[in-house]
Protein backbone atom coordinates (compact mmCIF):
# COMPACT_ATOMS: atom_id res chain seq x y z
CA MET A 1 58.98 -222.16 286.26
CA VAL A 2 56.45 -225.01 286.41
CA ALA A 3 55.52 -226.07 289.97
CA ALA A 4 56.39 -229.68 290.85
CA SER A 5 53.66 -232.29 291.07
CA ARG A 6 53.25 -234.53 294.11
CA THR A 7 51.49 -237.72 295.12
CA LEU A 8 48.39 -237.49 297.30
CA GLN A 9 46.98 -240.57 299.00
CA VAL A 10 43.21 -240.87 299.49
CA VAL A 11 41.95 -243.53 301.92
CA LEU A 12 38.44 -244.92 302.44
CA LEU A 13 37.20 -246.10 305.84
CA SER A 14 37.23 -249.62 304.38
CA GLY A 15 40.98 -249.31 303.96
CA GLN A 16 40.89 -249.04 300.16
CA THR A 17 43.42 -246.46 298.95
CA THR A 18 44.46 -244.69 295.78
CA GLN A 19 47.39 -242.50 294.81
CA LEU A 20 46.71 -239.30 292.86
CA ILE A 21 49.24 -237.15 291.03
CA VAL A 22 48.32 -233.54 291.84
CA GLN A 23 49.68 -230.05 291.21
CA PRO A 24 49.81 -227.22 293.79
CA GLU A 25 46.89 -225.55 291.98
CA THR A 26 44.75 -228.73 291.91
CA THR A 27 41.49 -228.03 293.76
CA LEU A 28 39.71 -230.24 296.29
CA LYS A 29 36.88 -230.55 293.77
CA GLU A 30 39.31 -232.02 291.22
CA VAL A 31 40.80 -234.32 293.87
CA LYS A 32 37.29 -235.57 294.72
CA GLU A 33 36.39 -236.29 291.09
CA ALA A 34 39.67 -238.11 290.42
CA ALA A 35 39.40 -240.17 293.63
CA GLU A 36 35.79 -241.13 292.86
CA ASP A 37 36.80 -242.44 289.44
CA LYS A 38 39.69 -244.49 290.84
CA LEU A 39 37.94 -245.79 293.97
CA GLU A 40 34.55 -246.18 292.25
CA VAL A 41 32.68 -244.70 295.18
CA GLY A 42 30.80 -241.45 295.68
CA ILE A 43 32.69 -239.26 298.14
CA GLY A 44 30.67 -237.08 300.51
CA HIS A 45 33.55 -235.26 302.20
CA PHE A 46 37.17 -235.61 303.30
CA VAL A 47 38.66 -235.70 306.80
CA ARG A 48 42.24 -234.65 307.48
CA GLU A 49 44.45 -236.44 310.00
CA ASP A 50 43.85 -233.66 312.55
CA GLY A 51 40.06 -234.19 312.28
CA THR A 52 39.35 -231.20 310.03
CA VAL A 53 36.36 -231.89 307.77
CA MET A 54 36.56 -230.63 304.19
CA ASN A 55 33.27 -230.57 302.29
CA GLU A 56 31.58 -228.69 299.44
CA SER A 57 32.42 -225.33 301.02
CA HIS A 58 36.11 -226.13 300.53
CA LYS A 59 35.86 -227.35 296.93
CA GLU A 60 37.97 -224.50 295.49
CA LEU A 61 40.74 -224.94 298.08
CA THR A 62 43.98 -225.91 296.33
CA VAL A 63 46.50 -228.55 297.31
CA ALA A 64 48.94 -225.74 298.09
CA GLY A 65 46.31 -224.02 300.24
CA MET A 66 45.66 -227.20 302.24
CA GLU A 67 49.28 -227.16 303.46
CA LEU A 68 49.30 -230.95 303.80
CA ARG A 69 52.13 -232.39 305.85
CA GLN A 70 54.63 -234.68 304.16
CA GLY A 71 53.01 -238.10 303.79
CA GLU A 72 49.60 -236.93 305.07
CA ALA A 73 46.66 -238.79 303.53
CA LEU A 74 43.07 -237.63 303.08
CA GLN A 75 40.36 -239.87 304.49
CA ALA A 76 37.36 -240.04 302.16
CA VAL A 77 33.87 -240.59 303.59
CA ALA A 78 31.42 -242.19 301.16
CA GLY A 79 28.36 -240.09 300.35
CA TYR A 80 26.39 -241.32 297.37
CA ASN A 81 26.11 -244.54 295.40
CA ILE A 82 28.62 -244.29 292.56
CA LYS A 83 26.38 -246.58 290.48
CA VAL A 84 23.75 -243.83 290.48
CA LYS A 85 26.28 -241.49 288.88
CA TYR A 86 27.40 -244.01 286.26
CA TYR A 87 23.85 -245.05 285.37
CA ALA A 88 22.65 -241.45 285.08
CA GLN A 89 25.60 -240.56 282.85
CA ALA A 90 24.95 -243.60 280.65
CA LEU A 91 21.29 -242.63 280.25
CA LEU A 92 22.10 -239.01 279.42
CA ASP A 93 24.60 -240.17 276.80
CA LYS A 94 21.58 -241.49 274.87
CA ILE A 95 20.20 -237.99 274.30
CA ASN A 96 19.40 -237.38 270.64
CA PRO A 97 17.99 -233.90 269.89
CA SER A 98 16.25 -235.22 266.78
CA GLU A 99 14.19 -237.70 268.82
CA SER A 100 12.03 -235.94 271.42
CA ARG A 101 10.47 -239.28 272.39
CA GLY A 102 13.95 -240.39 273.42
CA ASP A 103 14.01 -237.69 276.11
CA ILE A 104 10.83 -239.14 277.61
CA ASN A 105 12.35 -242.62 277.70
CA ILE A 106 15.51 -241.29 279.35
CA MET A 107 13.42 -239.41 281.89
CA ASP A 108 11.40 -242.52 282.71
CA ASP A 109 14.60 -244.52 283.21
CA LEU A 110 16.04 -241.79 285.46
CA ILE A 111 12.86 -241.82 287.54
CA GLY A 112 13.33 -245.56 288.01
CA ILE A 113 16.68 -245.09 289.79
CA GLN A 114 16.33 -245.83 293.50
CA LEU A 115 17.63 -242.85 295.50
CA ARG A 116 18.73 -243.57 299.08
CA ASN A 117 19.58 -240.07 300.26
CA VAL A 118 19.97 -236.44 299.27
CA GLU A 119 23.48 -237.13 297.95
CA ASP A 120 22.04 -239.54 295.38
CA LEU A 121 19.52 -236.85 294.38
CA LYS A 122 22.28 -234.26 293.97
CA CYS A 123 24.25 -236.78 291.94
CA ILE A 124 21.45 -236.96 289.34
CA ALA A 125 21.20 -233.16 289.25
CA GLN A 126 24.97 -232.83 288.84
CA ALA A 127 24.99 -235.34 285.98
CA ILE A 128 22.33 -233.35 284.10
CA PHE A 129 24.14 -230.06 284.64
CA LYS A 130 27.49 -231.48 283.52
CA LYS A 131 25.93 -232.97 280.39
CA ALA A 132 24.43 -229.60 279.46
CA ILE A 133 27.75 -227.81 279.96
CA ALA A 134 29.96 -230.42 278.28
CA GLU A 135 27.64 -230.76 275.27
CA PRO A 136 25.72 -227.47 274.82
CA ALA A 137 23.82 -228.90 271.84
CA HIS A 138 21.99 -231.07 274.40
CA GLY A 139 21.15 -228.18 276.75
CA GLU A 140 17.53 -228.03 275.61
CA SER A 141 17.05 -231.77 276.13
CA CYS A 142 18.68 -231.59 279.57
CA ALA A 143 16.34 -228.77 280.60
CA ARG A 144 13.34 -230.69 279.27
CA ILE A 145 14.37 -233.78 281.24
CA ALA A 146 14.89 -231.64 284.35
CA PHE A 147 11.36 -230.27 284.01
CA GLY A 148 10.01 -233.81 283.71
CA LEU A 149 11.82 -234.88 286.88
CA MET A 150 10.65 -231.83 288.84
CA GLU A 151 7.97 -233.55 290.91
CA ARG A 152 8.84 -237.20 290.31
CA TYR A 153 11.69 -237.64 292.79
CA PRO A 154 11.13 -237.73 296.57
CA GLU A 155 12.14 -234.86 298.84
CA PHE A 156 14.86 -235.43 301.42
CA PRO A 157 15.34 -233.77 304.83
CA PRO A 158 17.74 -230.80 304.85
CA GLU A 159 21.03 -230.87 306.75
CA ASN A 160 19.77 -227.94 308.82
CA GLU A 161 16.28 -228.33 310.29
CA ARG A 162 15.57 -224.64 309.67
CA GLN A 163 15.98 -225.14 305.92
CA LYS A 164 13.41 -226.44 303.45
CA PRO A 165 13.42 -230.10 302.34
CA VAL A 166 15.68 -230.76 299.36
CA CYS A 167 13.81 -231.56 296.16
CA PHE A 168 15.28 -232.29 292.73
CA THR A 169 14.62 -228.81 291.35
CA ARG A 170 16.24 -227.13 294.36
CA ALA A 171 19.28 -229.40 294.03
CA LEU A 172 19.68 -228.66 290.30
CA LEU A 173 19.20 -224.91 290.62
CA THR A 174 21.63 -224.74 293.55
CA ILE A 175 24.29 -226.51 291.47
CA CYS A 176 23.56 -224.24 288.51
CA GLN A 177 23.74 -221.10 290.65
CA GLU A 178 27.01 -222.10 292.33
CA GLU A 179 28.71 -223.01 289.05
CA TYR A 180 27.41 -219.87 287.32
CA GLU A 181 28.57 -217.58 290.14
CA GLU A 182 31.99 -219.22 290.05
CA MET A 183 32.23 -218.56 286.30
CA VAL A 184 31.04 -214.95 286.65
CA SER A 185 33.73 -214.35 289.27
CA MET A 186 36.25 -215.49 286.64
CA LEU A 187 35.07 -213.19 283.83
CA SER A 188 38.38 -211.32 283.98
CA THR A 189 40.26 -214.59 283.43
CA PHE A 190 38.91 -215.06 279.91
CA GLU A 191 42.10 -213.32 278.83
CA ALA A 192 45.57 -214.63 279.68
CA SER A 193 46.87 -213.69 283.14
CA LEU A 194 50.29 -214.03 284.74
CA GLN A 195 49.00 -217.12 286.58
CA ASP A 196 47.92 -218.65 283.26
CA GLU A 197 51.32 -217.99 281.73
CA ALA A 198 52.98 -219.73 284.68
CA LYS A 199 50.56 -222.67 284.66
CA PHE A 200 50.58 -223.08 280.86
CA PRO A 201 54.09 -222.28 279.58
CA ARG A 202 53.09 -223.31 276.05
CA ALA A 203 50.96 -220.75 274.21
CA GLU A 204 48.81 -223.49 272.66
CA ALA A 205 47.92 -224.94 276.07
CA GLU A 206 47.14 -221.47 277.44
CA GLN A 207 44.82 -220.63 274.55
CA ALA A 208 43.12 -224.02 274.86
CA GLU A 209 42.37 -223.30 278.55
CA LEU A 210 41.00 -219.82 277.78
CA SER A 211 38.81 -221.28 275.03
CA ARG A 212 37.55 -223.93 277.46
CA ARG A 213 36.52 -221.26 279.98
CA ARG A 214 34.68 -219.28 277.32
CA ARG A 215 32.84 -222.37 276.08
CA MET A 216 31.81 -223.35 279.62
CA MET A 217 30.51 -219.86 280.39
CA LEU A 218 28.52 -219.72 277.16
CA ALA A 219 27.13 -223.22 277.76
CA CYS A 220 26.13 -222.36 281.33
CA VAL A 221 24.34 -219.16 280.30
CA SER A 222 22.60 -221.05 277.49
CA PHE A 223 21.45 -223.77 279.91
CA ILE A 224 20.06 -221.08 282.22
CA GLY A 225 18.06 -219.83 279.23
CA HIS A 226 16.68 -223.31 278.55
CA LEU A 227 15.74 -223.73 282.22
CA TYR A 228 13.83 -220.44 282.01
CA LEU A 229 12.01 -221.62 278.88
CA GLU A 230 10.97 -224.75 280.81
CA ARG A 231 9.57 -222.48 283.56
CA LEU A 232 12.16 -223.62 286.10
CA LEU A 233 13.54 -220.08 286.50
CA ALA A 234 11.85 -216.70 286.93
CA VAL A 235 12.21 -213.61 284.71
CA LYS A 236 14.22 -211.86 287.43
CA VAL A 237 16.93 -214.53 287.15
CA ILE A 238 17.41 -213.71 283.45
CA GLY A 239 17.60 -210.05 284.39
CA GLN A 240 20.28 -210.76 286.99
CA VAL A 241 22.33 -212.85 284.57
CA VAL A 242 22.27 -210.15 281.89
CA HIS A 243 23.19 -207.55 284.51
CA ASP A 244 26.12 -209.69 285.66
CA LEU A 245 27.34 -209.91 282.08
CA ILE A 246 26.81 -206.42 280.67
CA GLY A 247 25.34 -204.30 283.48
CA VAL A 248 26.88 -201.01 284.53
CA LYS A 249 29.75 -201.64 286.94
CA ARG A 250 31.94 -198.90 288.39
CA GLY A 251 31.15 -196.48 285.61
CA ASP A 252 32.12 -198.99 282.93
CA ASN A 253 35.72 -199.11 284.10
CA PRO A 254 36.57 -201.62 282.84
CA PRO A 255 33.77 -202.09 280.29
CA PRO A 256 32.13 -205.52 279.87
CA GLU A 257 34.32 -208.20 278.28
CA PRO A 258 33.49 -209.02 274.63
CA HIS A 259 32.87 -212.63 275.64
CA ALA A 260 30.43 -211.51 278.34
CA ILE A 261 28.57 -209.51 275.70
CA ASN A 262 28.52 -212.56 273.46
CA CYS A 263 26.98 -214.65 276.27
CA ALA A 264 24.32 -212.02 276.91
CA LEU A 265 23.43 -211.81 273.21
CA GLN A 266 23.13 -215.57 272.93
CA LEU A 267 20.87 -215.65 275.99
CA LEU A 268 18.65 -212.85 274.67
CA THR A 269 18.32 -214.53 271.29
CA LEU A 270 17.23 -217.71 273.06
CA VAL A 271 14.70 -216.25 275.51
CA GLY A 272 13.76 -212.92 273.91
CA ARG A 273 10.56 -214.05 272.24
CA THR A 274 9.26 -215.59 275.49
CA LEU A 275 10.24 -212.53 277.53
CA ASP A 276 8.42 -210.22 275.12
CA ALA A 277 5.24 -212.25 275.66
CA GLN A 278 5.13 -211.25 279.37
CA PRO A 279 4.58 -207.75 280.77
CA ASN A 280 7.49 -207.95 283.22
CA GLY A 281 9.61 -209.45 280.45
CA VAL A 282 8.89 -206.48 278.18
CA VAL A 283 9.96 -204.08 280.94
CA LEU A 284 13.18 -206.04 281.42
CA LEU A 285 13.95 -206.15 277.69
CA ASN A 286 13.36 -202.41 277.35
CA ARG A 287 15.99 -201.82 280.05
CA ILE A 288 18.39 -204.27 278.44
CA ALA A 289 17.89 -202.70 274.99
CA GLU A 290 18.83 -199.31 276.42
CA ARG A 291 22.04 -200.82 277.80
CA LEU A 292 22.82 -202.56 274.50
CA ARG A 293 22.46 -199.29 272.60
CA ALA A 294 24.97 -197.68 274.96
CA LEU A 295 27.69 -200.34 274.64
CA PRO A 296 28.83 -199.55 271.07
CA LEU A 297 29.32 -195.92 272.14
CA LEU A 298 31.81 -196.73 274.91
CA GLN A 299 35.33 -195.50 274.25
CA VAL A 300 38.78 -195.78 275.77
CA ALA A 301 41.33 -193.07 274.93
CA GLY A 302 39.03 -191.82 272.20
CA LEU A 303 38.75 -195.21 270.49
CA PRO A 304 35.76 -197.62 270.45
CA CYS A 305 35.94 -200.29 273.14
CA TYR A 306 34.62 -202.98 270.85
CA SER A 307 35.45 -204.36 267.44
CA PRO A 308 33.11 -203.83 264.46
CA GLN A 309 32.06 -207.49 264.80
CA VAL A 310 30.89 -207.00 268.40
CA ARG A 311 29.08 -203.76 267.55
CA PHE A 312 27.40 -205.46 264.59
CA ALA A 313 26.23 -208.38 266.76
CA ILE A 314 24.75 -205.97 269.33
CA ASN A 315 22.87 -204.01 266.68
CA ASP A 316 21.70 -207.22 265.05
CA VAL A 317 20.08 -208.44 268.28
CA LEU A 318 18.34 -205.08 268.63
CA ARG A 319 17.07 -205.44 265.04
CA CYS A 320 16.10 -209.02 265.80
CA ARG A 321 13.80 -207.84 268.58
CA ARG A 322 12.21 -205.27 266.29
CA ASP A 323 11.57 -208.11 263.82
CA ALA A 324 9.79 -210.24 266.46
CA TRP A 325 12.90 -212.30 267.22
CA GLN A 326 13.46 -213.83 263.82
CA PRO A 327 17.02 -215.28 264.08
CA ARG A 328 19.42 -213.61 261.68
CA VAL A 329 22.87 -213.65 263.22
CA ASN A 330 25.65 -216.19 263.65
CA PHE A 331 27.81 -215.57 266.71
CA GLU A 332 30.65 -217.93 265.76
CA HIS A 333 32.91 -215.06 264.70
CA LEU A 334 32.88 -213.74 268.28
CA GLN A 335 34.27 -216.93 269.85
């Protein structure tokens, strides 16, 4: 049975209001994005009628979990300049991978945006991350632009005086880490669950949602690889990502998901040559290669865990490393 939708009112301090149609499973993050588009203002946080503040730490809270009273409205407190978001998105839409000079022009225009506070800074970082995830073909350009912005934006004071000032790179990497960790926590949901069947009664809609999750995970891992290639991430971060995807967990029960293996292989193909040029990278790749050789041998009830296509892709990446990372495999058949 499909849960009933409801109307949620969001009110600004100025008195401007909007009505949103939401589902019980709609998250606060989704409410925020929808309200920003309708009100055309950047929302910093929400305040409930009892004074409870709901901010970034509550972004995954659902409408059902909020237990809103009948007729209760959410008060939205403005955070960043919505024009910063729109302008940044418009500039990033001009990315053309065939014109590297275009990236420089986009970067220069982004630098020219006047930032009033840390929320404006985070807005730029969020726009770059979302572009890389929504359009993975532009991930390299987004990482290149991020590197160019690294020391060009001002730092802003932290919310907590014991923390370091917030710079652009810190803002971007924090967003990337939070989104990546959220996706990793959902690795088991790349296959249909009972919740998915309830939320998407039509098989086509359910499969479309699962495909969307897989694409986002692959795009996020790929963007992490591009950030590493631009020297915005350390070798140990790549090691942690690969471990999250295919590392030994609970004696391989359950074994890594095929899609997680696919993500790891894509990442290794992207960054392998650079890793092998560094001593600590060679050590890491030797460990990863040992793990990759073990995966095709895993069995359940006497049968191989993985299809011939997955086993072939694993072996091909191992061969690719032996051949000095000459690309030879197409991963499309694993999607």
